[in-house]
Amino acid sequence: MRDIEFRGISIAYDSFIYGYYYENNDKSFIVTKKGNHIQVHKNSVGQYTGRKDTNNVKIYENDIVKFNKQATSI
């Protein structure tokens, strides 16, 4: 079974936040494993694809990866 995980860039911290995603009153949030609800930029949110790269790093929707020496978006 695939992990259900999202990431988005925090409005307050300007860095990626990981966890569960939801929207409320046209605002986007990620709930972290510690239970913190952090507002994120909606256009930065991507879901984990269930795949990892050759360095064992998780790949999220809209990531740009190289495949056969050619860059492509997932």
N, C-alpha and C. Protein backbone atom coordinates (compact mmCIF):
# COMPACT_ATOMS: atom_id res chain seq x y z
N MET A 1 0.83 -1.18 0.00
CA MET A 1 0.00 0.00 0.00
C MET A 1 0.88 1.25 0.00
N ARG A 2 0.46 2.25 -0.73
CA ARG A 2 1.21 3.50 -0.87
C ARG A 2 0.92 4.43 0.31
N ASP A 3 1.96 5.12 0.78
CA ASP A 3 1.78 6.14 1.82
C ASP A 3 1.00 7.32 1.23
N ILE A 4 0.02 7.82 1.99
CA ILE A 4 -0.69 9.04 1.59
C ILE A 4 0.00 10.18 2.30
N GLU A 5 0.75 10.96 1.54
CA GLU A 5 1.52 12.05 2.12
C GLU A 5 1.57 13.20 1.12
N PHE A 6 1.53 14.40 1.64
CA PHE A 6 1.61 15.60 0.82
C PHE A 6 2.74 16.47 1.34
N ARG A 7 3.16 17.38 0.49
CA ARG A 7 4.09 18.42 0.92
C ARG A 7 3.66 19.73 0.27
N GLY A 8 3.97 20.81 0.94
CA GLY A 8 3.68 22.13 0.42
C GLY A 8 4.61 23.13 1.07
N ILE A 9 4.81 24.26 0.42
CA ILE A 9 5.69 25.30 0.96
C ILE A 9 4.91 26.16 1.94
N SER A 10 5.40 26.22 3.15
CA SER A 10 4.76 26.98 4.22
C SER A 10 4.80 28.47 3.92
N ILE A 11 3.69 29.15 4.19
CA ILE A 11 3.64 30.60 4.02
C ILE A 11 4.52 31.28 5.07
N ALA A 12 4.50 30.77 6.29
CA ALA A 12 5.25 31.39 7.39
C ALA A 12 6.74 31.09 7.35
N TYR A 13 7.11 29.86 6.97
CA TYR A 13 8.51 29.43 7.07
C TYR A 13 9.24 29.38 5.74
N ASP A 14 8.50 29.45 4.61
CA ASP A 14 9.08 29.39 3.27
C ASP A 14 9.94 28.14 3.07
N SER A 15 9.46 27.01 3.61
CA SER A 15 10.14 25.73 3.41
C SER A 15 9.07 24.64 3.30
N PHE A 16 9.46 23.47 2.79
CA PHE A 16 8.50 22.39 2.62
C PHE A 16 8.03 21.85 3.97
N ILE A 17 6.71 21.59 4.04
CA ILE A 17 6.08 20.97 5.19
C ILE A 17 5.46 19.66 4.68
N TYR A 18 5.56 18.59 5.46
CA TYR A 18 5.09 17.28 5.04
C TYR A 18 3.98 16.79 5.96
N GLY A 19 2.97 16.14 5.38
CA GLY A 19 1.89 15.58 6.19
C GLY A 19 0.62 15.40 5.36
N TYR A 20 -0.52 15.57 6.02
CA TYR A 20 -1.82 15.44 5.37
C TYR A 20 -2.32 16.81 4.94
N TYR A 21 -3.04 16.84 3.81
CA TYR A 21 -3.47 18.10 3.20
C TYR A 21 -4.97 18.29 3.36
N TYR A 22 -5.37 19.53 3.61
CA TYR A 22 -6.79 19.88 3.56
C TYR A 22 -6.95 21.37 3.25
N GLU A 23 -8.17 21.72 2.82
CA GLU A 23 -8.50 23.12 2.53
C GLU A 23 -9.64 23.55 3.44
N ASN A 24 -9.61 24.82 3.85
CA ASN A 24 -10.65 25.39 4.70
C ASN A 24 -10.77 26.87 4.36
N ASN A 25 -11.97 27.29 3.97
CA ASN A 25 -12.21 28.71 3.62
C ASN A 25 -11.21 29.22 2.59
N ASP A 26 -11.00 28.46 1.53
CA ASP A 26 -10.09 28.82 0.44
C ASP A 26 -8.62 28.94 0.87
N LYS A 27 -8.27 28.37 2.00
CA LYS A 27 -6.88 28.33 2.45
C LYS A 27 -6.43 26.87 2.48
N SER A 28 -5.16 26.65 2.21
CA SER A 28 -4.60 25.30 2.16
C SER A 28 -3.72 25.05 3.37
N PHE A 29 -3.82 23.84 3.93
CA PHE A 29 -3.08 23.49 5.14
C PHE A 29 -2.48 22.10 5.01
N ILE A 30 -1.36 21.91 5.70
CA ILE A 30 -0.76 20.59 5.90
C ILE A 30 -0.78 20.33 7.40
N VAL A 31 -1.24 19.14 7.77
CA VAL A 31 -1.20 18.72 9.17
C VAL A 31 0.02 17.83 9.33
N THR A 32 0.95 18.25 10.18
CA THR A 32 2.19 17.49 10.38
C THR A 32 1.96 16.29 11.28
N LYS A 33 2.95 15.42 11.39
CA LYS A 33 2.86 14.25 12.26
C LYS A 33 2.67 14.64 13.72
N LYS A 34 3.14 15.84 14.08
CA LYS A 34 2.97 16.33 15.46
C LYS A 34 1.60 16.96 15.68
N GLY A 35 0.79 17.06 14.60
CA GLY A 35 -0.55 17.61 14.72
C GLY A 35 -0.66 19.10 14.50
N ASN A 36 0.43 19.72 14.06
CA ASN A 36 0.39 21.16 13.76
C ASN A 36 -0.29 21.39 12.42
N HIS A 37 -1.17 22.38 12.33
CA HIS A 37 -1.84 22.76 11.10
C HIS A 37 -1.12 23.99 10.56
N ILE A 38 -0.42 23.81 9.44
CA ILE A 38 0.41 24.88 8.90
C ILE A 38 -0.12 25.28 7.52
N GLN A 39 -0.35 26.58 7.34
CA GLN A 39 -0.85 27.08 6.07
C GLN A 39 0.25 27.03 5.03
N VAL A 40 -0.11 26.56 3.82
CA VAL A 40 0.86 26.43 2.73
C VAL A 40 0.32 27.11 1.48
N HIS A 41 1.22 27.41 0.55
CA HIS A 41 0.83 27.95 -0.75
C HIS A 41 0.14 26.83 -1.54
N LYS A 42 -1.09 27.06 -1.98
CA LYS A 42 -1.86 26.02 -2.66
C LYS A 42 -1.16 25.49 -3.91
N ASN A 43 -0.52 26.37 -4.68
CA ASN A 43 0.12 25.94 -5.92
C ASN A 43 1.42 25.16 -5.68
N SER A 44 1.86 25.04 -4.44
CA SER A 44 3.09 24.30 -4.13
C SER A 44 2.81 22.88 -3.63
N VAL A 45 1.54 22.53 -3.45
CA VAL A 45 1.18 21.24 -2.86
C VAL A 45 1.32 20.12 -3.88
N GLY A 46 1.95 19.03 -3.46
CA GLY A 46 2.07 17.84 -4.29
C GLY A 46 1.93 16.59 -3.45
N GLN A 47 1.35 15.55 -4.03
CA GLN A 47 1.18 14.28 -3.33
C GLN A 47 2.33 13.35 -3.64
N TYR A 48 2.74 12.56 -2.66
CA TYR A 48 3.78 11.55 -2.84
C TYR A 48 3.30 10.53 -3.86
N THR A 49 4.14 10.22 -4.83
CA THR A 49 3.76 9.33 -5.93
C THR A 49 3.92 7.85 -5.59
N GLY A 50 4.58 7.55 -4.49
CA GLY A 50 4.86 6.15 -4.16
C GLY A 50 6.18 5.68 -4.75
N ARG A 51 6.87 6.57 -5.41
CA ARG A 51 8.16 6.24 -6.04
C ARG A 51 9.29 7.01 -5.37
N LYS A 52 10.50 6.44 -5.47
CA LYS A 52 11.70 7.11 -4.98
C LYS A 52 12.72 7.16 -6.10
N ASP A 53 13.62 8.16 -6.04
CA ASP A 53 14.66 8.27 -7.07
C ASP A 53 15.82 7.34 -6.74
N THR A 54 16.87 7.43 -7.53
CA THR A 54 18.02 6.54 -7.33
C THR A 54 18.76 6.81 -6.03
N ASN A 55 18.51 7.98 -5.41
CA ASN A 55 19.10 8.32 -4.12
C ASN A 55 18.15 8.02 -2.96
N ASN A 56 17.07 7.28 -3.25
CA ASN A 56 16.07 6.88 -2.26
C ASN A 56 15.30 8.06 -1.68
N VAL A 57 15.15 9.14 -2.46
CA VAL A 57 14.40 10.33 -2.07
C VAL A 57 13.00 10.24 -2.66
N LYS A 58 11.98 10.52 -1.86
CA LYS A 58 10.60 10.44 -2.33
C LYS A 58 10.34 11.42 -3.47
N ILE A 59 9.54 10.99 -4.45
CA ILE A 59 9.17 11.83 -5.57
C ILE A 59 7.71 12.25 -5.39
N TYR A 60 7.45 13.55 -5.53
CA TYR A 60 6.11 14.11 -5.37
C TYR A 60 5.61 14.62 -6.71
N GLU A 61 4.27 14.77 -6.82
CA GLU A 61 3.69 15.34 -8.02
C GLU A 61 4.37 16.67 -8.33
N ASN A 62 4.57 16.93 -9.61
CA ASN A 62 5.18 18.16 -10.13
C ASN A 62 6.67 18.27 -9.88
N ASP A 63 7.31 17.24 -9.34
CA ASP A 63 8.76 17.23 -9.24
C ASP A 63 9.34 17.10 -10.65
N ILE A 64 10.51 17.63 -10.86
CA ILE A 64 11.21 17.48 -12.13
C ILE A 64 12.33 16.49 -11.90
N VAL A 65 12.33 15.42 -12.68
CA VAL A 65 13.33 14.37 -12.54
C VAL A 65 13.99 14.11 -13.89
N LYS A 66 15.21 13.57 -13.86
CA LYS A 66 15.88 13.18 -15.10
C LYS A 66 15.64 11.70 -15.33
N PHE A 67 15.25 11.38 -16.54
CA PHE A 67 15.00 10.00 -16.94
C PHE A 67 15.70 9.79 -18.27
N ASN A 68 16.69 8.91 -18.28
CA ASN A 68 17.50 8.70 -19.48
C ASN A 68 18.12 10.00 -19.99
N LYS A 69 18.66 10.78 -19.04
CA LYS A 69 19.35 12.04 -19.30
C LYS A 69 18.45 13.14 -19.87
N GLN A 70 17.14 12.97 -19.73
CA GLN A 70 16.19 13.99 -20.20
C GLN A 70 15.30 14.38 -19.04
N ALA A 71 15.17 15.68 -18.77
CA ALA A 71 14.35 16.18 -17.66
C ALA A 71 12.88 16.07 -18.04
N THR A 72 12.08 15.62 -17.08
CA THR A 72 10.64 15.52 -17.29
C THR A 72 9.91 15.81 -15.97
N SER A 73 8.68 16.24 -16.06
CA SER A 73 7.89 16.55 -14.87
C SER A 73 6.96 15.38 -14.57
N ILE A 74 6.82 15.08 -13.29
CA ILE A 74 5.92 13.98 -12.89
C ILE A 74 4.62 14.55 -12.42
